Amino acid sequence: MDIVALVIFVIAVIFVVRSIKIVPQQHAWVVERLGRYSRTLAPGLSFLMPFVDRVAYKHVLKEIPLDVPSQVCITKDNTQLQVDGILYFQITDAMRASYGSSNYIVAITQLAQTTLRSVIGKMELDKTFEERGAINSTVVSALDEAALNWGVKVLRYEIKDLTPPAEILRSMQAQITAEREKRALIAASEGRRQEQINIATGEREAFIARSEGEKQAEINKAQGEAAAITAVADATADAIRKIAAAIQAPGGEQAVQLKVAERAVDAYSQLAQKNNTMIVPGNMSEVSTLIGTAMTLLKSGTAAR
């Protein structure tokens, strides 16, 4: 009896163990009943029928990174590139992931490599470095369409490295160096050009400023001379008016004659003092007449006073 009870207890324990399943979070287990797909167990506690149901596949529903092996791709201009990348995918349908492909990881890897070779084969070498984003998008689109039958969602693909041959690298480096030297020369020439423009502009502005200053100086000088001439003319005109008024006054004409005689006598006296040679007028009677007139006018003036 004890042996029978022990056997029954062991069978009961096995029965319980095989019937109770606890699925972790972010996991999906595929159950087969008598060799056929039955259901997919969600995270949590589940019960199976012992010896009839069994867990055939266990899948992780987390995002999975997959390293795509390095491969040689040939560009449109017949240049070899060593390309490697990384792929991120996630299982969305556990049943399809179990029965859609015998090995979905190998299928995704191979499809990623062939798609990458096809995409790079349509581009020239320089474009492959510039269009990484377009390459990644094209690979993801092609993989995602094919992976739907495998219950897999391809999230993204990233190229880790693009390595051309050493000769191409040296040529690219030389080209980059030449481009940088070209830009440096252009920048230097632009700097010299701008410097010459600035110098010419400064000289032109300085010349204009000097010419404006000289012009204003000439204008001021001319205005000053005009003002002086006007002042002299006004003074001369005023003096002439006063002389004319004096002449028109009583005794004015005699005063003028007396002044003229005095000036003549003074002139002759000055000539006699400043020169060793005596200058004698050609007509002495004119001098005596002039002196006589002056004396007469002087006496008339004295008598009048």
C-alpha atoms as a PDB file:
ATOM      1  CA  MET A   1       0.000   0.000   0.000  1.00  0.00           C
ATOM      2  CA  ASP A   2       2.785   2.418   0.846  1.00  0.00           C
ATOM      3  CA  ILE A   3       4.421   1.836  -2.542  1.00  0.00           C
ATOM      4  CA  VAL A   4       1.135   2.384  -4.387  1.00  0.00           C
ATOM      5  CA  ALA A   5       0.485   5.584  -2.433  1.00  0.00           C
ATOM      6  CA  LEU A   6       3.979   6.800  -3.205  1.00  0.00           C
ATOM      7  CA  VAL A   7       3.521   6.080  -6.899  1.00  0.00           C
ATOM      8  CA  ILE A   8       0.189   7.905  -6.919  1.00  0.00           C
ATOM      9  CA  PHE A   9       1.770  10.883  -5.133  1.00  0.00           C
ATOM     10  CA  VAL A  10       4.614  11.056  -7.642  1.00  0.00           C
ATOM     11  CA  ILE A  11       2.163  10.865 -10.556  1.00  0.00           C
ATOM     12  CA  ALA A  12       0.089  13.639  -8.976  1.00  0.00           C
ATOM     13  CA  VAL A  13       3.143  15.855  -8.558  1.00  0.00           C
ATOM     14  CA  ILE A  14       4.169  15.275 -12.182  1.00  0.00           C
ATOM     15  CA  PHE A  15       0.622  15.972 -13.287  1.00  0.00           C
ATOM     16  CA  VAL A  16       0.559  19.278 -11.400  1.00  0.00           C
ATOM     17  CA  VAL A  17       3.988  20.312 -12.591  1.00  0.00           C
ATOM     18  CA  ARG A  18       3.132  19.611 -16.213  1.00  0.00           C
ATOM     19  CA  SER A  19      -0.262  21.264 -16.022  1.00  0.00           C
ATOM     20  CA  ILE A  20       0.722  24.583 -14.379  1.00  0.00           C
ATOM     21  CA  LYS A  21       2.809  27.049 -16.408  1.00  0.00           C
ATOM     22  CA  ILE A  22       3.881  30.578 -15.430  1.00  0.00           C
ATOM     23  CA  VAL A  23       4.840  32.734 -18.427  1.00  0.00           C
ATOM     24  CA  PRO A  24       7.179  35.703 -17.665  1.00  0.00           C
ATOM     25  CA  GLN A  25       6.389  39.263 -18.748  1.00  0.00           C
ATOM     26  CA  GLN A  26       7.263  40.120 -22.396  1.00  0.00           C
ATOM     27  CA  HIS A  27       7.300  36.426 -23.337  1.00  0.00           C
ATOM     28  CA  ALA A  28       4.958  34.294 -25.425  1.00  0.00           C
ATOM     29  CA  TRP A  29       4.795  30.495 -25.349  1.00  0.00           C
ATOM     30  CA  VAL A  30       3.293  28.444 -28.154  1.00  0.00           C
ATOM     31  CA  VAL A  31       1.319  25.374 -27.041  1.00  0.00           C
ATOM     32  CA  GLU A  32       0.769  22.314 -29.230  1.00  0.00           C
ATOM     33  CA  ARG A  33      -1.889  19.728 -28.515  1.00  0.00           C
ATOM     34  CA  LEU A  34      -1.106  16.310 -29.932  1.00  0.00           C
ATOM     35  CA  GLY A  35       1.356  17.879 -32.360  1.00  0.00           C
ATOM     36  CA  ARG A  36      -0.930  20.655 -33.619  1.00  0.00           C
ATOM     37  CA  TYR A  37      -0.909  24.351 -32.735  1.00  0.00           C
ATOM     38  CA  SER A  38      -3.356  24.957 -29.909  1.00  0.00           C
ATOM     39  CA  ARG A  39      -2.860  28.424 -28.460  1.00  0.00           C
ATOM     40  CA  THR A  40      -0.336  31.056 -27.373  1.00  0.00           C
ATOM     41  CA  LEU A  41       0.128  31.564 -23.672  1.00  0.00           C
ATOM     42  CA  ALA A  42       0.196  35.173 -22.478  1.00  0.00           C
ATOM     43  CA  PRO A  43       2.285  36.305 -19.476  1.00  0.00           C
ATOM     44  CA  GLY A  44       0.920  34.964 -16.196  1.00  0.00           C
ATOM     45  CA  LEU A  45      -0.443  31.692 -14.825  1.00  0.00           C
ATOM     46  CA  SER A  46      -1.757  29.133 -17.333  1.00  0.00           C
ATOM     47  CA  PHE A  47      -2.935  25.502 -17.140  1.00  0.00           C
ATOM     48  CA  LEU A  48      -2.160  22.726 -19.615  1.00  0.00           C
ATOM     49  CA  MET A  49      -3.486  19.231 -20.045  1.00  0.00           C
ATOM     50  CA  PRO A  50      -0.631  16.926 -19.065  1.00  0.00           C
ATOM     51  CA  PHE A  51       0.684  14.502 -21.666  1.00  0.00           C
ATOM     52  CA  VAL A  52      -1.619  16.096 -24.259  1.00  0.00           C
ATOM     53  CA  ASP A  53      -0.444  19.727 -24.352  1.00  0.00           C
ATOM     54  CA  ARG A  54       3.164  20.787 -24.510  1.00  0.00           C
ATOM     55  CA  VAL A  55       5.056  24.077 -24.861  1.00  0.00           C
ATOM     56  CA  ALA A  56       6.633  23.811 -28.298  1.00  0.00           C
ATOM     57  CA  TYR A  57       8.210  27.320 -28.678  1.00  0.00           C
ATOM     58  CA  LYS A  58       9.166  30.091 -26.323  1.00  0.00           C
ATOM     59  CA  HIS A  59       9.576  33.601 -27.748  1.00  0.00           C
ATOM     60  CA  VAL A  60      10.851  36.845 -26.257  1.00  0.00           C
ATOM     61  CA  LEU A  61       8.716  39.851 -27.236  1.00  0.00           C
ATOM     62  CA  LYS A  62      11.360  42.444 -26.394  1.00  0.00           C
ATOM     63  CA  GLU A  63      13.243  44.425 -29.046  1.00  0.00           C
ATOM     64  CA  ILE A  64      16.165  42.301 -30.166  1.00  0.00           C
ATOM     65  CA  PRO A  65      19.406  43.634 -31.728  1.00  0.00           C
ATOM     66  CA  LEU A  66      20.847  41.432 -34.434  1.00  0.00           C
ATOM     67  CA  ASP A  67      24.366  41.928 -35.757  1.00  0.00           C
ATOM     68  CA  VAL A  68      24.469  41.611 -39.547  1.00  0.00           C
ATOM     69  CA  PRO A  69      27.827  40.128 -40.596  1.00  0.00           C
ATOM     70  CA  SER A  70      30.231  42.255 -42.627  1.00  0.00           C
ATOM     71  CA  GLN A  71      30.096  41.791 -46.387  1.00  0.00           C
ATOM     72  CA  VAL A  72      31.600  43.211 -49.561  1.00  0.00           C
ATOM     73  CA  CYS A  73      29.272  45.339 -51.704  1.00  0.00           C
ATOM     74  CA  ILE A  74      30.040  46.755 -55.151  1.00  0.00           C
ATOM     75  CA  THR A  75      28.869  50.271 -55.959  1.00  0.00           C
ATOM     76  CA  LYS A  76      27.550  51.570 -59.262  1.00  0.00           C
ATOM     77  CA  ASP A  77      31.029  52.829 -60.217  1.00  0.00           C
ATOM     78  CA  ASN A  78      32.561  49.376 -59.517  1.00  0.00           C
ATOM     79  CA  THR A  79      34.121  50.178 -56.148  1.00  0.00           C
ATOM     80  CA  GLN A  80      34.198  47.570 -53.401  1.00  0.00           C
ATOM     81  CA  LEU A  81      32.873  48.510 -49.978  1.00  0.00           C
ATOM     82  CA  GLN A  82      33.142  46.529 -46.774  1.00  0.00           C
ATOM     83  CA  VAL A  83      29.772  47.055 -45.057  1.00  0.00           C
ATOM     84  CA  ASP A  84      28.469  45.857 -41.726  1.00  0.00           C
ATOM     85  CA  GLY A  85      25.390  46.863 -39.777  1.00  0.00           C
ATOM     86  CA  ILE A  86      23.011  46.088 -36.959  1.00  0.00           C
ATOM     87  CA  LEU A  87      19.333  45.240 -37.177  1.00  0.00           C
ATOM     88  CA  TYR A  88      16.624  45.738 -34.551  1.00  0.00           C
ATOM     89  CA  PHE A  89      13.481  43.624 -34.671  1.00  0.00           C
ATOM     90  CA  GLN A  90      10.645  42.447 -32.474  1.00  0.00           C
ATOM     91  CA  ILE A  91       8.346  39.422 -32.543  1.00  0.00           C
ATOM     92  CA  THR A  92       4.744  40.504 -32.936  1.00  0.00           C
ATOM     93  CA  ASP A  93       3.097  37.133 -33.721  1.00  0.00           C
ATOM     94  CA  ALA A  94       4.436  34.148 -31.799  1.00  0.00           C
ATOM     95  CA  MET A  95       2.509  31.628 -33.899  1.00  0.00           C
ATOM     96  CA  ARG A  96       3.928  32.891 -37.212  1.00  0.00           C
ATOM     97  CA  ALA A  97       7.389  33.198 -35.695  1.00  0.00           C
ATOM     98  CA  SER A  98       7.104  29.501 -34.781  1.00  0.00           C
ATOM     99  CA  TYR A  99       5.712  28.138 -38.034  1.00  0.00           C
ATOM    100  CA  GLY A 100       6.369  30.819 -40.667  1.00  0.00           C
ATOM    101  CA  SER A 101      10.057  30.059 -40.994  1.00  0.00           C
ATOM    102  CA  SER A 102      12.342  27.356 -39.781  1.00  0.00           C
ATOM    103  CA  ASN A 103      14.812  30.019 -38.602  1.00  0.00           C
ATOM    104  CA  TYR A 104      13.573  33.601 -38.877  1.00  0.00           C
ATOM    105  CA  ILE A 105      16.846  35.030 -37.548  1.00  0.00           C
ATOM    106  CA  VAL A 106      18.861  33.496 -40.389  1.00  0.00           C
ATOM    107  CA  ALA A 107      16.154  34.551 -42.853  1.00  0.00           C
ATOM    108  CA  ILE A 108      16.247  38.172 -41.647  1.00  0.00           C
ATOM    109  CA  THR A 109      20.044  38.255 -41.710  1.00  0.00           C
ATOM    110  CA  GLN A 110      20.302  36.902 -45.238  1.00  0.00           C
ATOM    111  CA  LEU A 111      17.562  39.199 -46.525  1.00  0.00           C
ATOM    112  CA  ALA A 112      19.270  42.207 -44.927  1.00  0.00           C
ATOM    113  CA  GLN A 113      22.549  41.371 -46.649  1.00  0.00           C
ATOM    114  CA  THR A 114      21.012  40.835 -50.088  1.00  0.00           C
ATOM    115  CA  THR A 115      18.896  43.993 -49.826  1.00  0.00           C
ATOM    116  CA  LEU A 116      21.921  46.005 -48.742  1.00  0.00           C
ATOM    117  CA  ARG A 117      23.965  44.761 -51.703  1.00  0.00           C
ATOM    118  CA  SER A 118      21.122  45.668 -54.054  1.00  0.00           C
ATOM    119  CA  VAL A 119      20.722  49.182 -52.649  1.00  0.00           C
ATOM    120  CA  ILE A 120      24.438  49.999 -52.657  1.00  0.00           C
ATOM    121  CA  GLY A 121      24.786  48.604 -56.184  1.00  0.00           C
ATOM    122  CA  LYS A 122      22.513  51.408 -57.400  1.00  0.00           C
ATOM    123  CA  MET A 123      24.648  54.182 -55.888  1.00  0.00           C
ATOM    124  CA  GLU A 124      28.038  55.672 -56.634  1.00  0.00           C
ATOM    125  CA  LEU A 125      30.745  55.635 -53.995  1.00  0.00           C
ATOM    126  CA  ASP A 126      30.322  59.243 -52.851  1.00  0.00           C
ATOM    127  CA  LYS A 127      26.558  58.843 -52.538  1.00  0.00           C
ATOM    128  CA  THR A 128      26.880  55.842 -50.224  1.00  0.00           C
ATOM    129  CA  PHE A 129      28.494  58.054 -47.581  1.00  0.00           C
ATOM    130  CA  GLU A 130      25.944  60.825 -48.047  1.00  0.00           C
ATOM    131  CA  GLU A 131      22.813  58.637 -48.231  1.00  0.00           C
ATOM    132  CA  ARG A 132      23.163  56.426 -45.173  1.00  0.00           C
ATOM    133  CA  GLY A 133      19.714  57.402 -43.992  1.00  0.00           C
ATOM    134  CA  ALA A 134      18.155  56.473 -47.347  1.00  0.00           C
ATOM    135  CA  ILE A 135      19.999  53.126 -47.357  1.00  0.00           C
ATOM    136  CA  ASN A 136      18.798  52.312 -43.852  1.00  0.00           C
ATOM    137  CA  SER A 137      15.201  53.213 -44.726  1.00  0.00           C
ATOM    138  CA  THR A 138      15.231  51.104 -47.883  1.00  0.00           C
ATOM    139  CA  VAL A 139      16.586  48.045 -46.060  1.00  0.00           C
ATOM    140  CA  VAL A 140      14.006  48.393 -43.264  1.00  0.00           C
ATOM    141  CA  SER A 141      11.154  48.749 -45.763  1.00  0.00           C
ATOM    142  CA  ALA A 142      12.201  45.630 -47.713  1.00  0.00           C
ATOM    143  CA  LEU A 143      12.763  43.538 -44.574  1.00  0.00           C
ATOM    144  CA  ASP A 144       9.556  44.620 -42.879  1.00  0.00           C
ATOM    145  CA  GLU A 145       7.459  43.624 -45.888  1.00  0.00           C
ATOM    146  CA  ALA A 146       8.991  40.150 -46.046  1.00  0.00           C
ATOM    147  CA  ALA A 147       9.084  39.607 -42.278  1.00  0.00           C
ATOM    148  CA  LEU A 148       5.326  39.955 -41.876  1.00  0.00           C
ATOM    149  CA  ASN A 149       4.951  36.257 -42.810  1.00  0.00           C
ATOM    150  CA  TRP A 150       7.442  35.384 -40.092  1.00  0.00           C
ATOM    151  CA  GLY A 151       5.610  37.250 -37.323  1.00  0.00           C
ATOM    152  CA  VAL A 152       8.501  39.694 -37.017  1.00  0.00           C
ATOM    153  CA  LYS A 153       8.478  43.494 -37.107  1.00  0.00           C
ATOM    154  CA  VAL A 154      11.731  45.073 -38.333  1.00  0.00           C
ATOM    155  CA  LEU A 155      12.119  48.334 -36.457  1.00  0.00           C
ATOM    156  CA  ARG A 156      15.310  49.838 -37.863  1.00  0.00           C
ATOM    157  CA  TYR A 157      18.619  49.084 -39.514  1.00  0.00           C
ATOM    158  CA  GLU A 158      21.832  51.011 -38.984  1.00  0.00           C
ATOM    159  CA  ILE A 159      25.048  50.825 -40.994  1.00  0.00           C
ATOM    160  CA  LYS A 160      27.907  50.633 -38.530  1.00  0.00           C
ATOM    161  CA  ASP A 161      30.775  51.029 -40.957  1.00  0.00           C
ATOM    162  CA  LEU A 162      31.499  51.641 -44.631  1.00  0.00           C
ATOM    163  CA  THR A 163      35.107  50.818 -45.469  1.00  0.00           C
ATOM    164  CA  PRO A 164      36.434  51.269 -49.008  1.00  0.00           C
ATOM    165  CA  PRO A 165      39.783  49.812 -50.118  1.00  0.00           C
ATOM    166  CA  ALA A 166      43.000  51.443 -48.927  1.00  0.00           C
ATOM    167  CA  GLU A 167      43.711  52.930 -52.374  1.00  0.00           C
ATOM    168  CA  ILE A 168      40.296  54.561 -52.451  1.00  0.00           C
ATOM    169  CA  LEU A 169      40.817  55.883 -48.938  1.00  0.00           C
ATOM    170  CA  ARG A 170      44.093  57.504 -49.955  1.00  0.00           C
ATOM    171  CA  SER A 171      42.477  59.032 -53.039  1.00  0.00           C
ATOM    172  CA  MET A 172      39.583  60.355 -50.972  1.00  0.00           C
ATOM    173  CA  GLN A 173      41.983  61.802 -48.428  1.00  0.00           C
ATOM    174  CA  ALA A 174      43.957  63.504 -51.202  1.00  0.00           C
ATOM    175  CA  GLN A 175      40.733  64.879 -52.654  1.00  0.00           C
ATOM    176  CA  ILE A 176      39.635  66.186 -49.269  1.00  0.00           C
ATOM    177  CA  THR A 177      43.052  67.803 -48.764  1.00  0.00           C
ATOM    178  CA  ALA A 178      42.864  69.432 -52.203  1.00  0.00           C
ATOM    179  CA  GLU A 179      39.370  70.730 -51.492  1.00  0.00           C
ATOM    180  CA  ARG A 180      40.469  72.198 -48.182  1.00  0.00           C
ATOM    181  CA  GLU A 181      43.482  73.866 -49.786  1.00  0.00           C
ATOM    182  CA  LYS A 182      41.224  75.215 -52.513  1.00  0.00           C
ATOM    183  CA  ARG A 183      38.825  76.657 -49.948  1.00  0.00           C
ATOM    184  CA  ALA A 184      41.751  78.156 -48.043  1.00  0.00           C
ATOM    185  CA  LEU A 185      43.098  79.824 -51.201  1.00  0.00           C
ATOM    186  CA  ILE A 186      39.662  81.114 -52.104  1.00  0.00           C
ATOM    187  CA  ALA A 187      39.184  82.477 -48.604  1.00  0.00           C
ATOM    188  CA  ALA A 188      42.613  84.166 -48.715  1.00  0.00           C
ATOM    189  CA  SER A 189      41.911  85.704 -52.127  1.00  0.00           C
ATOM    190  CA  GLU A 190      38.509  86.909 -50.939  1.00  0.00           C
ATOM    191  CA  GLY A 191      40.203  88.451 -47.921  1.00  0.00           C
ATOM    192  CA  ARG A 192      42.757  90.265 -50.111  1.00  0.00           C
ATOM    193  CA  ARG A 193      39.988  91.392 -52.446  1.00  0.00           C
ATOM    194  CA  GLN A 194      37.951  92.761 -49.577  1.00  0.00           C
ATOM    195  CA  GLU A 195      41.056  94.444 -48.190  1.00  0.00           C
ATOM    196  CA  GLN A 196      41.716  96.200 -51.512  1.00  0.00           C
ATOM    197  CA  ILE A 197      38.070  97.227 -51.716  1.00  0.00           C
ATOM    198  CA  ASN A 198      38.222  98.642 -48.197  1.00  0.00           C
ATOM    199  CA  ILE A 199      41.442 100.533 -48.940  1.00  0.00           C
ATOM    200  CA  ALA A 200      40.049 101.948 -52.186  1.00  0.00           C
ATOM    201  CA  THR A 201      36.820 102.926 -50.457  1.00  0.00           C
ATOM    202  CA  GLY A 202      38.728 104.624 -47.672  1.00  0.00           C
ATOM    203  CA  GLU A 203      40.951 106.543 -50.109  1.00  0.00           C
ATOM    204  CA  ARG A 204      37.927 107.606 -52.145  1.00  0.00           C
ATOM    205  CA  GLU A 205      36.102 108.822 -49.076  1.00  0.00           C
ATOM    206  CA  ALA A 206      39.231 110.624 -47.839  1.00  0.00           C
ATOM    207  CA  PHE A 207      39.697 112.297 -51.242  1.00  0.00           C
ATOM    208  CA  ILE A 208      36.058 113.350 -51.282  1.00  0.00           C
ATOM    209  CA  ALA A 209      36.398 114.731 -47.766  1.00  0.00           C
ATOM    210  CA  ARG A 210      39.558 116.647 -48.711  1.00  0.00           C
ATOM    211  CA  SER A 211      37.975 118.017 -51.882  1.00  0.00           C
ATOM    212  CA  GLU A 212      34.881 119.041 -49.943  1.00  0.00           C
ATOM    213  CA  GLY A 213      37.105 120.789 -47.401  1.00  0.00           C
ATOM    214  CA  GLU A 214      39.097 122.576 -50.125  1.00  0.00           C
ATOM    215  CA  LYS A 215      35.880 123.539 -51.874  1.00  0.00           C
ATOM    216  CA  GLN A 216      34.444 124.972 -48.681  1.00  0.00           C
ATOM    217  CA  ALA A 217      37.730 126.794 -47.998  1.00  0.00           C
ATOM    218  CA  GLU A 218      37.687 128.349 -51.481  1.00  0.00           C
ATOM    219  CA  ILE A 219      34.054 129.318 -51.010  1.00  0.00           C
ATOM    220  CA  ASN A 220      34.840 130.894 -47.665  1.00  0.00           C
ATOM    221  CA  LYS A 221      37.874 132.711 -49.136  1.00  0.00           C
ATOM    222  CA  ALA A 222      35.850 133.986 -52.084  1.00  0.00           C
ATOM    223  CA  GLN A 223      33.080 135.130 -49.781  1.00  0.00           C
ATOM    224  CA  GLY A 224      35.630 136.892 -47.611  1.00  0.00           C
ATOM    225  CA  GLU A 225      37.250 138.635 -50.591  1.00  0.00           C
ATOM    226  CA  ALA A 226      33.836 139.603 -51.925  1.00  0.00           C
ATOM    227  CA  ALA A 227      32.890 140.998 -48.545  1.00  0.00           C
ATOM    228  CA  ALA A 228      36.190 142.950 -48.384  1.00  0.00           C
ATOM    229  CA  ILE A 229      35.716 144.334 -51.893  1.00  0.00           C
ATOM    230  CA  THR A 230      32.163 145.303 -51.022  1.00  0.00           C
ATOM    231  CA  ALA A 231      33.324 147.013 -47.850  1.00  0.00           C
ATOM    232  CA  VAL A 232      36.076 148.916 -49.706  1.00  0.00           C
ATOM    233  CA  ALA A 233      33.645 149.874 -52.452  1.00  0.00           C
ATOM    234  CA  ASP A 234      31.109 151.024 -49.891  1.00  0.00           C
ATOM    235  CA  ALA A 235      33.769 153.046 -48.079  1.00  0.00           C
ATOM    236  CA  THR A 236      35.025 154.563 -51.353  1.00  0.00           C
ATOM    237  CA  ALA A 237      31.502 155.390 -52.458  1.00  0.00           C
ATOM    238  CA  ASP A 238      30.779 156.997 -49.095  1.00  0.00           C
ATOM    239  CA  ALA A 239      33.987 159.005 -49.315  1.00  0.00           C
ATOM    240  CA  ILE A 240      33.127 160.148 -52.852  1.00  0.00           C
ATOM    241  CA  ARG A 241      29.651 161.147 -51.729  1.00  0.00           C
ATOM    242  CA  LYS A 242      31.113 163.155 -48.862  1.00  0.00           C
ATOM    243  CA  ILE A 243      33.665 164.840 -51.190  1.00  0.00           C
ATOM    244  CA  ALA A 244      30.930 165.634 -53.670  1.00  0.00           C
ATOM    245  CA  ALA A 245      28.809 167.097 -50.919  1.00  0.00           C
ATOM    246  CA  ALA A 246      31.749 169.130 -49.669  1.00  0.00           C
ATOM    247  CA  ILE A 247      32.482 170.447 -53.160  1.00  0.00           C
ATOM    248  CA  GLN A 248      28.868 171.520 -53.588  1.00  0.00           C
ATOM    249  CA  ALA A 249      28.992 173.457 -50.299  1.00  0.00           C
ATOM    250  CA  PRO A 250      30.007 177.153 -50.367  1.00  0.00           C
ATOM    251  CA  GLY A 251      33.787 177.479 -50.807  1.00  0.00           C
ATOM    252  CA  GLY A 252      34.083 173.817 -51.676  1.00  0.00           C
ATOM    253  CA  GLU A 253      35.493 174.321 -55.115  1.00  0.00           C
ATOM    254  CA  GLN A 254      38.161 176.710 -53.830  1.00  0.00           C
ATOM    255  CA  ALA A 255      39.054 174.187 -51.146  1.00  0.00           C
ATOM    256  CA  VAL A 256      39.561 171.512 -53.757  1.00  0.00           C
ATOM    257  CA  GLN A 257      41.811 173.762 -55.807  1.00  0.00           C
ATOM    258  CA  LEU A 258      43.836 174.624 -52.686  1.00  0.00           C
ATOM    259  CA  LYS A 259      44.215 170.931 -51.832  1.00  0.00           C
ATOM    260  CA  VAL A 260      45.407 170.121 -55.326  1.00  0.00           C
ATOM    261  CA  ALA A 261      47.976 172.916 -55.185  1.00  0.00           C
ATOM    262  CA  GLU A 262      49.243 171.721 -51.817  1.00  0.00           C
ATOM    263  CA  ARG A 263      49.620 168.191 -53.147  1.00  0.00           C
ATOM    264  CA  ALA A 264      51.566 169.413 -56.167  1.00  0.00           C
ATOM    265  CA  VAL A 265      53.930 171.472 -54.030  1.00  0.00           C
ATOM    266  CA  ASP A 266      54.461 168.532 -51.690  1.00  0.00           C
ATOM    267  CA  ALA A 267      55.198 166.237 -54.596  1.00  0.00           C
ATOM    268  CA  TYR A 268      57.852 168.551 -55.978  1.00  0.00           C
ATOM    269  CA  SER A 269      59.388 168.999 -52.550  1.00  0.00           C
ATOM    270  CA  GLN A 270      59.560 165.247 -52.018  1.00  0.00           C
ATOM    271  CA  LEU A 271      61.288 164.733 -55.330  1.00  0.00           C
ATOM    272  CA  ALA A 272      63.860 167.341 -54.388  1.00  0.00           C
ATOM    273  CA  GLN A 273      64.611 165.670 -51.056  1.00  0.00           C
ATOM    274  CA  LYS A 274      64.883 162.039 -52.249  1.00  0.00           C
ATOM    275  CA  ASN A 275      66.975 162.494 -55.394  1.00  0.00           C
ATOM    276  CA  ASN A 276      70.373 164.035 -56.008  1.00  0.00           C
ATOM    277  CA  THR A 277      69.172 165.103 -59.416  1.00  0.00           C
ATOM    278  CA  MET A 278      67.024 168.157 -59.454  1.00  0.00           C
ATOM    279  CA  ILE A 279      63.878 167.717 -61.515  1.00  0.00           C
ATOM    280  CA  VAL A 280      62.600 170.916 -62.969  1.00  0.00           C
ATOM    281  CA  PRO A 281      59.216 171.165 -64.695  1.00  0.00           C
ATOM    282  CA  GLY A 282      59.229 171.927 -68.354  1.00  0.00           C
ATOM    283  CA  ASN A 283      56.889 174.845 -67.910  1.00  0.00           C
ATOM    284  CA  MET A 284      57.741 176.809 -64.776  1.00  0.00           C
ATOM    285  CA  SER A 285      54.844 179.168 -65.325  1.00  0.00           C
ATOM    286  CA  GLU A 286      52.410 176.359 -64.528  1.00  0.00           C
ATOM    287  CA  VAL A 287      54.056 175.849 -61.173  1.00  0.00           C
ATOM    288  CA  SER A 288      54.023 179.560 -60.365  1.00  0.00           C
ATOM    289  CA  THR A 289      50.423 179.824 -61.480  1.00  0.00           C
ATOM    290  CA  LEU A 290      49.517 176.826 -59.274  1.00  0.00           C
ATOM    291  CA  ILE A 291      51.337 178.373 -56.295  1.00  0.00           C
ATOM    292  CA  GLY A 292      49.786 181.745 -56.919  1.00  0.00           C
ATOM    293  CA  THR A 293      46.326 180.239 -57.056  1.00  0.00           C
ATOM    294  CA  ALA A 294      46.982 178.390 -53.811  1.00  0.00           C
ATOM    295  CA  MET A 295      48.166 181.565 -52.075  1.00  0.00           C
ATOM    296  CA  THR A 296      45.158 183.488 -53.350  1.00  0.00           C
ATOM    297  CA  LEU A 297      42.811 180.848 -52.039  1.00  0.00           C
ATOM    298  CA  LEU A 298      44.640 180.821 -48.733  1.00  0.00           C
ATOM    299  CA  LYS A 299      44.348 184.588 -48.380  1.00  0.00           C
ATOM    300  CA  SER A 300      40.696 184.467 -49.332  1.00  0.00           C
ATOM    301  CA  GLY A 301      40.078 181.877 -46.698  1.00  0.00           C
ATOM    302  CA  THR A 302      41.922 183.940 -44.060  1.00  0.00           C
ATOM    303  CA  ALA A 303      39.991 187.064 -44.948  1.00  0.00           C
ATOM    304  CA  ALA A 304      36.735 185.182 -44.845  1.00  0.00           C
ATOM    305  CA  ARG A 305      37.542 183.906 -41.372  1.00  0.00           C
END
